[in-house]
Amino acid sequence: MFGKEDLETIATFAERHNLWIISDEVYRSTVFDGEFLSIAFSPGMRERTIIVNSLSKSHAMTGWRLGWTLGPVSASVHLENLAQCMLLGSPTCIQDAAAVTLDEAVTQR
């Protein structure tokens, strides 16, 4: 977990180089000392940060595969395209591996 000074350093660097930040905040509820700080709330970062979150860790729902992103509206169309690519088709290498695994399972019966 980054502290306030670290987040400010990253934010300054991102602004200087016109970079976006993707902040994985799935573990935001698992903080034992201090409080969770999101880079999205650093000055100038709200419009250049995409937050990724889910209920996996905070509500013990691992494997449910439900997550979301928060960010500027301008990024939403790109995130939608990315999600469609990830959800609508399984990579060929995974399909091939699954076919081999299933063939071996049938052969072993």
PDB file of N, CA and C in Angstrom:
ATOM      1  N   MET A   1       0.846  -1.169   0.000  1.00  0.00           N
ATOM      2  CA  MET A   1       0.000   0.000   0.000  1.00  0.00           C
ATOM      3  C   MET A   1       0.895   1.237   0.000  1.00  0.00           C
ATOM      4  N   PHE A   2       0.576   2.166  -0.857  1.00  0.00           N
ATOM      5  CA  PHE A   2       1.348   3.396  -0.951  1.00  0.00           C
ATOM      6  C   PHE A   2       0.851   4.418   0.062  1.00  0.00           C
ATOM      7  N   GLY A   3       1.797   5.166   0.611  1.00  0.00           N
ATOM      8  CA  GLY A   3       1.451   6.273   1.492  1.00  0.00           C
ATOM      9  C   GLY A   3       1.172   7.527   0.678  1.00  0.00           C
ATOM     10  N   LYS A   4       0.773   8.578   1.377  1.00  0.00           N
ATOM     11  CA  LYS A   4       0.398   9.824   0.718  1.00  0.00           C
ATOM     12  C   LYS A   4       1.548  10.402  -0.108  1.00  0.00           C
ATOM     13  N   GLU A   5       2.759  10.405   0.436  1.00  0.00           N
ATOM     14  CA  GLU A   5       3.913  10.955  -0.298  1.00  0.00           C
ATOM     15  C   GLU A   5       4.198  10.161  -1.566  1.00  0.00           C
ATOM     16  N   ASP A   6       4.132   8.841  -1.471  1.00  0.00           N
ATOM     17  CA  ASP A   6       4.359   7.997  -2.653  1.00  0.00           C
ATOM     18  C   ASP A   6       3.311   8.275  -3.727  1.00  0.00           C
ATOM     19  N   LEU A   7       2.054   8.388  -3.308  1.00  0.00           N
ATOM     20  CA  LEU A   7       0.980   8.664  -4.266  1.00  0.00           C
ATOM     21  C   LEU A   7       1.168  10.022  -4.931  1.00  0.00           C
ATOM     22  N   GLU A   8       1.613  11.006  -4.163  1.00  0.00           N
ATOM     23  CA  GLU A   8       1.861  12.334  -4.738  1.00  0.00           C
ATOM     24  C   GLU A   8       3.001  12.284  -5.754  1.00  0.00           C
ATOM     25  N   THR A   9       4.036  11.505  -5.467  1.00  0.00           N
ATOM     26  CA  THR A   9       5.157  11.349  -6.404  1.00  0.00           C
ATOM     27  C   THR A   9       4.684  10.689  -7.697  1.00  0.00           C
ATOM     28  N   ILE A  10       3.904   9.634  -7.574  1.00  0.00           N
ATOM     29  CA  ILE A  10       3.370   8.946  -8.756  1.00  0.00           C
ATOM     30  C   ILE A  10       2.454   9.879  -9.541  1.00  0.00           C
ATOM     31  N   ALA A  11       1.609  10.622  -8.830  1.00  0.00           N
ATOM     32  CA  ALA A  11       0.683  11.551  -9.487  1.00  0.00           C
ATOM     33  C   ALA A  11       1.442  12.628 -10.256  1.00  0.00           C
ATOM     34  N   THR A  12       2.479  13.171  -9.657  1.00  0.00           N
ATOM     35  CA  THR A  12       3.287  14.197 -10.329  1.00  0.00           C
ATOM     36  C   THR A  12       3.923  13.633 -11.591  1.00  0.00           C
ATOM     37  N   PHE A  13       4.469  12.433 -11.492  1.00  0.00           N
ATOM     38  CA  PHE A  13       5.091  11.779 -12.644  1.00  0.00           C
ATOM     39  C   PHE A  13       4.058  11.541 -13.748  1.00  0.00           C
ATOM     40  N   ALA A  14       2.881  11.034 -13.367  1.00  0.00           N
ATOM     41  CA  ALA A  14       1.824  10.753 -14.349  1.00  0.00           C
ATOM     42  C   ALA A  14       1.375  12.027 -15.053  1.00  0.00           C
ATOM     43  N   GLU A  15       1.215  13.095 -14.300  1.00  0.00           N
ATOM     44  CA  GLU A  15       0.801  14.363 -14.916  1.00  0.00           C
ATOM     45  C   GLU A  15       1.887  14.911 -15.838  1.00  0.00           C
ATOM     46  N   ARG A  16       3.124  14.853 -15.385  1.00  0.00           N
ATOM     47  CA  ARG A  16       4.241  15.375 -16.176  1.00  0.00           C
ATOM     48  C   ARG A  16       4.354  14.667 -17.519  1.00  0.00           C
ATOM     49  N   HIS A  17       4.087  13.370 -17.535  1.00  0.00           N
ATOM     50  CA  HIS A  17       4.250  12.568 -18.751  1.00  0.00           C
ATOM     51  C   HIS A  17       2.914  12.222 -19.418  1.00  0.00           C
ATOM     52  N   ASN A  18       1.842  12.861 -18.962  1.00  0.00           N
ATOM     53  CA  ASN A  18       0.506  12.656 -19.528  1.00  0.00           C
ATOM     54  C   ASN A  18       0.119  11.169 -19.539  1.00  0.00           C
ATOM     55  N   LEU A  19       0.288  10.518 -18.391  1.00  0.00           N
ATOM     56  CA  LEU A  19       0.005   9.090 -18.254  1.00  0.00           C
ATOM     57  C   LEU A  19      -1.303   8.856 -17.510  1.00  0.00           C
ATOM     58  N   TRP A  20      -1.920   7.734 -17.800  1.00  0.00           N
ATOM     59  CA  TRP A  20      -3.080   7.272 -17.056  1.00  0.00           C
ATOM     60  C   TRP A  20      -2.604   6.321 -15.966  1.00  0.00           C
ATOM     61  N   ILE A  21      -3.381   6.207 -14.916  1.00  0.00           N
ATOM     62  CA  ILE A  21      -3.100   5.271 -13.834  1.00  0.00           C
ATOM     63  C   ILE A  21      -4.240   4.257 -13.781  1.00  0.00           C
ATOM     64  N   ILE A  22      -3.892   2.979 -13.719  1.00  0.00           N
ATOM     65  CA  ILE A  22      -4.873   1.930 -13.446  1.00  0.00           C
ATOM     66  C   ILE A  22      -4.589   1.466 -12.025  1.00  0.00           C
ATOM     67  N   SER A  23      -5.533   1.698 -11.135  1.00  0.00           N
ATOM     68  CA  SER A  23      -5.351   1.424  -9.713  1.00  0.00           C
ATOM     69  C   SER A  23      -6.176   0.209  -9.304  1.00  0.00           C
ATOM     70  N   ASP A  24      -5.489  -0.887  -8.994  1.00  0.00           N
ATOM     71  CA  ASP A  24      -6.149  -2.112  -8.537  1.00  0.00           C
ATOM     72  C   ASP A  24      -6.465  -1.931  -7.052  1.00  0.00           C
ATOM     73  N   GLU A  25      -7.743  -1.760  -6.736  1.00  0.00           N
ATOM     74  CA  GLU A  25      -8.144  -1.475  -5.361  1.00  0.00           C
ATOM     75  C   GLU A  25      -8.984  -2.590  -4.755  1.00  0.00           C
ATOM     76  N   VAL A  26      -8.756  -3.807  -5.225  1.00  0.00           N
ATOM     77  CA  VAL A  26      -9.503  -4.963  -4.730  1.00  0.00           C
ATOM     78  C   VAL A  26      -9.235  -5.198  -3.240  1.00  0.00           C
ATOM     79  N   TYR A  27      -8.030  -4.883  -2.782  1.00  0.00           N
ATOM     80  CA  TYR A  27      -7.670  -5.103  -1.379  1.00  0.00           C
ATOM     81  C   TYR A  27      -7.882  -3.865  -0.511  1.00  0.00           C
ATOM     82  N   ARG A  28      -8.607  -2.876  -0.980  1.00  0.00           N
ATOM     83  CA  ARG A  28      -8.754  -1.618  -0.244  1.00  0.00           C
ATOM     84  C   ARG A  28      -9.362  -1.806   1.144  1.00  0.00           C
ATOM     85  N   SER A  29     -10.148  -2.842   1.352  1.00  0.00           N
ATOM     86  CA  SER A  29     -10.757  -3.065   2.669  1.00  0.00           C
ATOM     87  C   SER A  29      -9.850  -3.860   3.605  1.00  0.00           C
ATOM     88  N   THR A  30      -8.688  -4.280   3.113  1.00  0.00           N
ATOM     89  CA  THR A  30      -7.763  -5.069   3.914  1.00  0.00           C
ATOM     90  C   THR A  30      -6.579  -4.199   4.321  1.00  0.00           C
ATOM     91  N   VAL A  31      -6.829  -3.274   5.215  1.00  0.00           N
ATOM     92  CA  VAL A  31      -5.791  -2.378   5.720  1.00  0.00           C
ATOM     93  C   VAL A  31      -5.762  -2.547   7.231  1.00  0.00           C
ATOM     94  N   PHE A  32      -4.592  -2.868   7.763  1.00  0.00           N
ATOM     95  CA  PHE A  32      -4.482  -3.119   9.196  1.00  0.00           C
ATOM     96  C   PHE A  32      -3.973  -1.907   9.966  1.00  0.00           C
ATOM     97  N   ASP A  33      -3.119  -1.124   9.346  1.00  0.00           N
ATOM     98  CA  ASP A  33      -2.598   0.083   9.984  1.00  0.00           C
ATOM     99  C   ASP A  33      -2.872   1.273   9.088  1.00  0.00           C
ATOM    100  N   GLY A  34      -3.466   2.317   9.633  1.00  0.00           N
ATOM    101  CA  GLY A  34      -3.741   3.508   8.839  1.00  0.00           C
ATOM    102  C   GLY A  34      -5.010   3.353   8.027  1.00  0.00           C
ATOM    103  N   GLU A  35      -5.089   4.142   6.959  1.00  0.00           N
ATOM    104  CA  GLU A  35      -6.271   4.102   6.106  1.00  0.00           C
ATOM    105  C   GLU A  35      -5.850   3.927   4.656  1.00  0.00           C
ATOM    106  N   PHE A  36      -6.737   3.363   3.860  1.00  0.00           N
ATOM    107  CA  PHE A  36      -6.462   3.192   2.444  1.00  0.00           C
ATOM    108  C   PHE A  36      -6.566   4.539   1.748  1.00  0.00           C
ATOM    109  N   LEU A  37      -5.594   4.840   0.899  1.00  0.00           N
ATOM    110  CA  LEU A  37      -5.599   6.074   0.116  1.00  0.00           C
ATOM    111  C   LEU A  37      -5.618   5.706  -1.360  1.00  0.00           C
ATOM    112  N   SER A  38      -6.566   6.255  -2.089  1.00  0.00           N
ATOM    113  CA  SER A  38      -6.647   6.019  -3.528  1.00  0.00           C
ATOM    114  C   SER A  38      -5.966   7.158  -4.268  1.00  0.00           C
ATOM    115  N   ILE A  39      -5.164   6.820  -5.260  1.00  0.00           N
ATOM    116  CA  ILE A  39      -4.497   7.845  -6.060  1.00  0.00           C
ATOM    117  C   ILE A  39      -5.512   8.708  -6.811  1.00  0.00           C
ATOM    118  N   ALA A  40      -6.707   8.199  -7.024  1.00  0.00           N
ATOM    119  CA  ALA A  40      -7.737   8.967  -7.735  1.00  0.00           C
ATOM    120  C   ALA A  40      -8.098  10.257  -7.007  1.00  0.00           C
ATOM    121  N   PHE A  41      -7.840  10.305  -5.703  1.00  0.00           N
ATOM    122  CA  PHE A  41      -8.159  11.498  -4.922  1.00  0.00           C
ATOM    123  C   PHE A  41      -6.971  12.439  -4.765  1.00  0.00           C
ATOM    124  N   SER A  42      -5.851  12.112  -5.380  1.00  0.00           N
ATOM    125  CA  SER A  42      -4.715  13.040  -5.408  1.00  0.00           C
ATOM    126  C   SER A  42      -5.045  14.162  -6.388  1.00  0.00           C
ATOM    127  N   PRO A  43      -4.543  15.362  -6.139  1.00  0.00           N
ATOM    128  CA  PRO A  43      -4.850  16.493  -7.035  1.00  0.00           C
ATOM    129  C   PRO A  43      -4.532  16.181  -8.499  1.00  0.00           C
ATOM    130  N   GLY A  44      -5.501  16.431  -9.370  1.00  0.00           N
ATOM    131  CA  GLY A  44      -5.324  16.252 -10.805  1.00  0.00           C
ATOM    132  C   GLY A  44      -5.417  14.826 -11.305  1.00  0.00           C
ATOM    133  N   MET A  45      -5.696  13.874 -10.429  1.00  0.00           N
ATOM    134  CA  MET A  45      -5.661  12.467 -10.841  1.00  0.00           C
ATOM    135  C   MET A  45      -7.031  11.864 -11.142  1.00  0.00           C
ATOM    136  N   ARG A  46      -8.075  12.514 -10.709  1.00  0.00           N
ATOM    137  CA  ARG A  46      -9.411  11.943 -10.933  1.00  0.00           C
ATOM    138  C   ARG A  46      -9.676  11.714 -12.415  1.00  0.00           C
ATOM    139  N   GLU A  47      -9.263  12.640 -13.255  1.00  0.00           N
ATOM    140  CA  GLU A  47      -9.537  12.541 -14.691  1.00  0.00           C
ATOM    141  C   GLU A  47      -8.543  11.654 -15.438  1.00  0.00           C
ATOM    142  N   ARG A  48      -7.566  11.079 -14.740  1.00  0.00           N
ATOM    143  CA  ARG A  48      -6.603  10.211 -15.412  1.00  0.00           C
ATOM    144  C   ARG A  48      -6.400   8.879 -14.678  1.00  0.00           C
ATOM    145  N   THR A  49      -7.369   8.520 -13.833  1.00  0.00           N
ATOM    146  CA  THR A  49      -7.263   7.274 -13.070  1.00  0.00           C
ATOM    147  C   THR A  49      -8.457   6.372 -13.356  1.00  0.00           C
ATOM    148  N   ILE A  50      -8.160   5.095 -13.557  1.00  0.00           N
ATOM    149  CA  ILE A  50      -9.188   4.060 -13.679  1.00  0.00           C
ATOM    150  C   ILE A  50      -9.011   3.138 -12.477  1.00  0.00           C
ATOM    151  N   ILE A  51     -10.060   3.015 -11.688  1.00  0.00           N
ATOM    152  CA  ILE A  51     -10.029   2.153 -10.510  1.00  0.00           C
ATOM    153  C   ILE A  51     -10.647   0.812 -10.884  1.00  0.00           C
ATOM    154  N   VAL A  52      -9.975  -0.265 -10.501  1.00  0.00           N
ATOM    155  CA  VAL A  52     -10.475  -1.624 -10.702  1.00  0.00           C
ATOM    156  C   VAL A  52     -10.833  -2.167  -9.323  1.00  0.00           C
ATOM    157  N   ASN A  53     -12.033  -2.727  -9.189  1.00  0.00           N
ATOM    158  CA  ASN A  53     -12.459  -3.229  -7.889  1.00  0.00           C
ATOM    159  C   ASN A  53     -13.383  -4.426  -8.067  1.00  0.00           C
ATOM    160  N   SER A  54     -13.644  -5.119  -6.983  1.00  0.00           N
ATOM    161  CA  SER A  54     -14.560  -6.261  -6.984  1.00  0.00           C
ATOM    162  C   SER A  54     -14.976  -6.550  -5.547  1.00  0.00           C
ATOM    163  N   LEU A  55     -15.812  -7.556  -5.396  1.00  0.00           N
ATOM    164  CA  LEU A  55     -16.224  -8.002  -4.067  1.00  0.00           C
ATOM    165  C   LEU A  55     -15.417  -9.222  -3.612  1.00  0.00           C
ATOM    166  N   SER A  56     -14.461  -9.651  -4.420  1.00  0.00           N
ATOM    167  CA  SER A  56     -13.712 -10.881  -4.156  1.00  0.00           C
ATOM    168  C   SER A  56     -13.084 -10.917  -2.773  1.00  0.00           C
ATOM    169  N   LYS A  57     -12.367  -9.889  -2.415  1.00  0.00           N
ATOM    170  CA  LYS A  57     -11.655  -9.887  -1.135  1.00  0.00           C
ATOM    171  C   LYS A  57     -12.504  -9.297  -0.014  1.00  0.00           C
ATOM    172  N   SER A  58     -13.217  -8.222  -0.295  1.00  0.00           N
ATOM    173  CA  SER A  58     -13.980  -7.541   0.756  1.00  0.00           C
ATOM    174  C   SER A  58     -15.176  -8.347   1.254  1.00  0.00           C
ATOM    175  N   HIS A  59     -15.729  -9.210   0.408  1.00  0.00           N
ATOM    176  CA  HIS A  59     -16.921  -9.967   0.775  1.00  0.00           C
ATOM    177  C   HIS A  59     -16.747 -11.479   0.576  1.00  0.00           C
ATOM    178  N   ALA A  60     -15.493 -11.927   0.501  1.00  0.00           N
ATOM    179  CA  ALA A  60     -15.182 -13.358   0.353  1.00  0.00           C
ATOM    180  C   ALA A  60     -15.955 -13.992  -0.797  1.00  0.00           C
ATOM    181  N   MET A  61     -15.958 -13.302  -1.935  1.00  0.00           N
ATOM    182  CA  MET A  61     -16.674 -13.799  -3.113  1.00  0.00           C
ATOM    183  C   MET A  61     -15.688 -14.143  -4.230  1.00  0.00           C
ATOM    184  N   THR A  62     -14.558 -14.745  -3.858  1.00  0.00           N
ATOM    185  CA  THR A  62     -13.596 -15.142  -4.874  1.00  0.00           C
ATOM    186  C   THR A  62     -14.215 -16.200  -5.768  1.00  0.00           C
ATOM    187  N   GLY A  63     -13.870 -16.148  -7.022  1.00  0.00           N
ATOM    188  CA  GLY A  63     -14.409 -17.097  -7.977  1.00  0.00           C
ATOM    189  C   GLY A  63     -15.730 -16.667  -8.596  1.00  0.00           C
ATOM    190  N   TRP A  64     -16.357 -15.657  -8.061  1.00  0.00           N
ATOM    191  CA  TRP A  64     -17.628 -15.195  -8.617  1.00  0.00           C
ATOM    192  C   TRP A  64     -17.395 -14.363  -9.864  1.00  0.00           C
ATOM    193  N   ARG A  65     -16.183 -13.896 -10.047  1.00  0.00           N
ATOM    194  CA  ARG A  65     -15.755 -13.192 -11.262  1.00  0.00           C
ATOM    195  C   ARG A  65     -16.592 -11.950 -11.557  1.00  0.00           C
ATOM    196  N   LEU A  66     -16.915 -11.196 -10.514  1.00  0.00           N
ATOM    197  CA  LEU A  66     -17.672  -9.965 -10.692  1.00  0.00           C
ATOM    198  C   LEU A  66     -16.803  -8.792 -10.268  1.00  0.00           C
ATOM    199  N   GLY A  67     -16.539  -7.918 -11.192  1.00  0.00           N
ATOM    200  CA  GLY A  67     -15.730  -6.747 -10.890  1.00  0.00           C
ATOM    201  C   GLY A  67     -16.224  -5.556 -11.676  1.00  0.00           C
ATOM    202  N   TRP A  68     -15.619  -4.418 -11.435  1.00  0.00           N
ATOM    203  CA  TRP A  68     -16.027  -3.200 -12.126  1.00  0.00           C
ATOM    204  C   TRP A  68     -14.866  -2.226 -12.194  1.00  0.00           C
ATOM    205  N   THR A  69     -15.054  -1.230 -13.003  1.00  0.00           N
ATOM    206  CA  THR A  69     -14.083  -0.146 -13.094  1.00  0.00           C
ATOM    207  C   THR A  69     -14.807   1.173 -12.859  1.00  0.00           C
ATOM    208  N   LEU A  70     -14.069   2.115 -12.319  1.00  0.00           N
ATOM    209  CA  LEU A  70     -14.546   3.485 -12.144  1.00  0.00           C
ATOM    210  C   LEU A  70     -13.527   4.393 -12.800  1.00  0.00           C
ATOM    211  N   GLY A  71     -14.012   5.354 -13.532  1.00  0.00           N
ATOM    212  CA  GLY A  71     -13.088   6.280 -14.172  1.00  0.00           C
ATOM    213  C   GLY A  71     -13.826   7.296 -15.004  1.00  0.00           C
ATOM    214  N   PRO A  72     -13.072   8.105 -15.710  1.00  0.00           N
ATOM    215  CA  PRO A  72     -13.682   9.128 -16.552  1.00  0.00           C
ATOM    216  C   PRO A  72     -14.553   8.513 -17.648  1.00  0.00           C
ATOM    217  N   VAL A  73     -15.623   9.207 -17.985  1.00  0.00           N
ATOM    218  CA  VAL A  73     -16.530   8.748 -19.040  1.00  0.00           C
ATOM    219  C   VAL A  73     -15.763   8.539 -20.344  1.00  0.00           C
ATOM    220  N   SER A  74     -14.764   9.370 -20.596  1.00  0.00           N
ATOM    221  CA  SER A  74     -13.997   9.260 -21.843  1.00  0.00           C
ATOM    222  C   SER A  74     -13.302   7.906 -21.977  1.00  0.00           C
ATOM    223  N   ALA A  75     -13.046   7.237 -20.864  1.00  0.00           N
ATOM    224  CA  ALA A  75     -12.384   5.930 -20.904  1.00  0.00           C
ATOM    225  C   ALA A  75     -13.382   4.785 -21.008  1.00  0.00           C
ATOM    226  N   SER A  76     -14.655   5.047 -20.737  1.00  0.00           N
ATOM    227  CA  SER A  76     -15.629   3.963 -20.635  1.00  0.00           C
ATOM    228  C   SER A  76     -15.809   3.183 -21.933  1.00  0.00           C
ATOM    229  N   VAL A  77     -15.791   3.841 -23.071  1.00  0.00           N
ATOM    230  CA  VAL A  77     -15.969   3.125 -24.337  1.00  0.00           C
ATOM    231  C   VAL A  77     -14.796   2.170 -24.580  1.00  0.00           C
ATOM    232  N   HIS A  78     -13.601   2.581 -24.209  1.00  0.00           N
ATOM    233  CA  HIS A  78     -12.429   1.718 -24.383  1.00  0.00           C
ATOM    234  C   HIS A  78     -12.488   0.536 -23.416  1.00  0.00           C
ATOM    235  N   LEU A  79     -12.938   0.796 -22.198  1.00  0.00           N
ATOM    236  CA  LEU A  79     -13.066  -0.284 -21.223  1.00  0.00           C
ATOM    237  C   LEU A  79     -14.150  -1.270 -21.640  1.00  0.00           C
ATOM    238  N   GLU A  80     -15.213  -0.769 -22.233  1.00  0.00           N
ATOM    239  CA  GLU A  80     -16.280  -1.648 -22.727  1.00  0.00           C
ATOM    240  C   GLU A  80     -15.749  -2.560 -23.832  1.00  0.00           C
ATOM    241  N   ASN A  81     -14.971  -2.012 -24.749  1.00  0.00           N
ATOM    242  CA  ASN A  81     -14.376  -2.833 -25.815  1.00  0.00           C
ATOM    243  C   ASN A  81     -13.452  -3.892 -25.233  1.00  0.00           C
ATOM    244  N   LEU A  82     -12.657  -3.522 -24.242  1.00  0.00           N
ATOM    245  CA  LEU A  82     -11.753  -4.465 -23.598  1.00  0.00           C
ATOM    246  C   LEU A  82     -12.542  -5.584 -22.920  1.00  0.00           C
ATOM    247  N   ALA A  83     -13.593  -5.221 -22.198  1.00  0.00           N
ATOM    248  CA  ALA A  83     -14.411  -6.226 -21.508  1.00  0.00           C
ATOM    249  C   ALA A  83     -15.047  -7.193 -22.501  1.00  0.00           C
ATOM    250  N   GLN A  84     -15.525  -6.681 -23.621  1.00  0.00           N
ATOM    251  CA  GLN A  84     -16.134  -7.557 -24.619  1.00  0.00           C
ATOM    252  C   GLN A  84     -15.117  -8.546 -25.167  1.00  0.00           C
ATOM    253  N   CYS A  85     -13.906  -8.092 -25.397  1.00  0.00           N
ATOM    254  CA  CYS A  85     -12.863  -9.002 -25.896  1.00  0.00           C
ATOM    255  C   CYS A  85     -12.554 -10.084 -24.872  1.00  0.00           C
ATOM    256  N   MET A  86     -12.570  -9.724 -23.603  1.00  0.00           N
ATOM    257  CA  MET A  86     -12.238 -10.682 -22.552  1.00  0.00           C
ATOM    258  C   MET A  86     -13.386 -11.638 -22.268  1.00  0.00           C
ATOM    259  N   LEU A  87     -14.626 -11.188 -22.433  1.00  0.00           N
ATOM    260  CA  LEU A  87     -15.775 -11.995 -22.042  1.00  0.00           C
ATOM    261  C   LEU A  87     -16.367 -12.820 -23.172  1.00  0.00           C
ATOM    262  N   LEU A  88     -16.196 -12.379 -24.399  1.00  0.00           N
ATOM    263  CA  LEU A  88     -16.874 -13.030 -25.511  1.00  0.00           C
ATOM    264  C   LEU A  88     -16.060 -14.123 -26.182  1.00  0.00           C
ATOM    265  N   GLY A  89     -14.808 -14.223 -25.886  1.00  0.00           N
ATOM    266  CA  GLY A  89     -14.004 -15.247 -26.536  1.00  0.00           C
ATOM    267  C   GLY A  89     -12.864 -15.703 -25.654  1.00  0.00           C
ATOM    268  N   SER A  90     -12.705 -16.983 -25.587  1.00  0.00           N
ATOM    269  CA  SER A  90     -11.599 -17.545 -24.832  1.00  0.00           C
ATOM    270  C   SER A  90     -10.389 -17.649 -25.755  1.00  0.00           C
ATOM    271  N   PRO A  91      -9.199 -17.310 -25.268  1.00  0.00           N
ATOM    272  CA  PRO A  91      -8.011 -17.405 -26.115  1.00  0.00           C
ATOM    273  C   PRO A  91      -7.821 -18.820 -26.672  1.00  0.00           C
ATOM    274  N   THR A  92      -7.320 -18.903 -27.882  1.00  0.00           N
ATOM    275  CA  THR A  92      -7.136 -20.187 -28.562  1.00  0.00           C
ATOM    276  C   THR A  92      -6.281 -21.145 -27.747  1.00  0.00           C
ATOM    277  N   CYS A  93      -5.215 -20.648 -27.131  1.00  0.00           N
ATOM    278  CA  CYS A  93      -4.335 -21.543 -26.371  1.00  0.00           C
ATOM    279  C   CYS A  93      -5.079 -22.185 -25.196  1.00  0.00           C
ATOM    280  N   ILE A  94      -5.991 -21.451 -24.585  1.00  0.00           N
ATOM    281  CA  ILE A  94      -6.779 -22.012 -23.487  1.00  0.00           C
ATOM    282  C   ILE A  94      -7.768 -23.042 -24.021  1.00  0.00           C
ATOM    283  N   GLN A  95      -8.376 -22.772 -25.157  1.00  0.00           N
ATOM    284  CA  GLN A  95      -9.290 -23.739 -25.767  1.00  0.00           C
ATOM    285  C   GLN A  95      -8.546 -25.022 -26.123  1.00  0.00           C
ATOM    286  N   ASP A  96      -7.347 -24.891 -26.681  1.00  0.00           N
ATOM    287  CA  ASP A  96      -6.545 -26.066 -27.043  1.00  0.00           C
ATOM    288  C   ASP A  96      -6.174 -26.878 -25.803  1.00  0.00           C
ATOM    289  N   ALA A  97      -5.759 -26.190 -24.737  1.00  0.00           N
ATOM    290  CA  ALA A  97      -5.391 -26.881 -23.501  1.00  0.00           C
ATOM    291  C   ALA A  97      -6.599 -27.599 -22.905  1.00  0.00           C
ATOM    292  N   ALA A  98      -7.760 -26.967 -22.953  1.00  0.00           N
ATOM    293  CA  ALA A  98      -8.975 -27.597 -22.434  1.00  0.00           C
ATOM    294  C   ALA A  98      -9.327 -28.842 -23.239  1.00  0.00           C
ATOM    295  N   ALA A  99      -9.177 -28.774 -24.556  1.00  0.00           N
ATOM    296  CA  ALA A  99      -9.483 -29.930 -25.407  1.00  0.00           C
ATOM    297  C   ALA A  99      -8.574 -31.106 -25.071  1.00  0.00           C
ATOM    298  N   VAL A 100      -7.287 -30.847 -24.890  1.00  0.00           N
ATOM    299  CA  VAL A 100      -6.341 -31.913 -24.537  1.00  0.00           C
ATOM    300  C   VAL A 100      -6.707 -32.507 -23.182  1.00  0.00           C
ATOM    301  N   THR A 101      -7.003 -31.653 -22.220  1.00  0.00           N
ATOM    302  CA  THR A 101      -7.366 -32.113 -20.880  1.00  0.00           C
ATOM    303  C   THR A 101      -8.614 -32.984 -20.915  1.00  0.00           C
ATOM    304  N   LEU A 102      -9.616 -32.554 -21.655  1.00  0.00           N
ATOM    305  CA  LEU A 102     -10.851 -33.335 -21.744  1.00  0.00           C
ATOM    306  C   LEU A 102     -10.628 -34.646 -22.485  1.00  0.00           C
ATOM    307  N   ASP A 103      -9.808 -34.634 -23.538  1.00  0.00           N
ATOM    308  CA  ASP A 103      -9.492 -35.869 -24.259  1.00  0.00           C
ATOM    309  C   ASP A 103      -8.789 -36.858 -23.342  1.00  0.00           C
ATOM    310  N   GLU A 104      -7.838 -36.365 -22.540  1.00  0.00           N
ATOM    311  CA  GLU A 104      -7.116 -37.241 -21.615  1.00  0.00           C
ATOM    312  C   GLU A 104      -8.055 -37.816 -20.565  1.00  0.00           C
ATOM    313  N   ALA A 105      -8.999 -37.008 -20.094  1.00  0.00           N
ATOM    314  CA  ALA A 105      -9.955 -37.487 -19.091  1.00  0.00           C
ATOM    315  C   ALA A 105     -10.822 -38.603 -19.660  1.00  0.00           C
ATOM    316  N   VAL A 106     -11.234 -38.484 -20.905  1.00  0.00           N
ATOM    317  CA  VAL A 106     -12.052 -39.515 -21.552  1.00  0.00           C
ATOM    318  C   VAL A 106     -11.223 -40.770 -21.776  1.00  0.00           C
ATOM    319  N   THR A 107      -9.984 -40.610 -22.208  1.00  0.00           N
ATOM    320  CA  THR A 107      -9.095 -41.744 -22.473  1.00  0.00           C
ATOM    321  C   THR A 107      -8.819 -42.539 -21.202  1.00  0.00           C
ATOM    322  N   GLN A 108      -8.713 -41.865 -20.072  1.00  0.00           N
ATOM    323  CA  GLN A 108      -8.391 -42.531 -18.807  1.00  0.00           C
ATOM    324  C   GLN A 108      -9.566 -43.295 -18.222  1.00  0.00           C
ATOM    325  N   ARG A 109     -10.756 -43.095 -18.742  1.00  0.00           N
ATOM    326  CA  ARG A 109     -11.932 -43.803 -18.199  1.00  0.00           C
ATOM    327  C   ARG A 109     -11.941 -45.203 -18.599  1.00  0.00           C
TER     328      ARG A 109
END
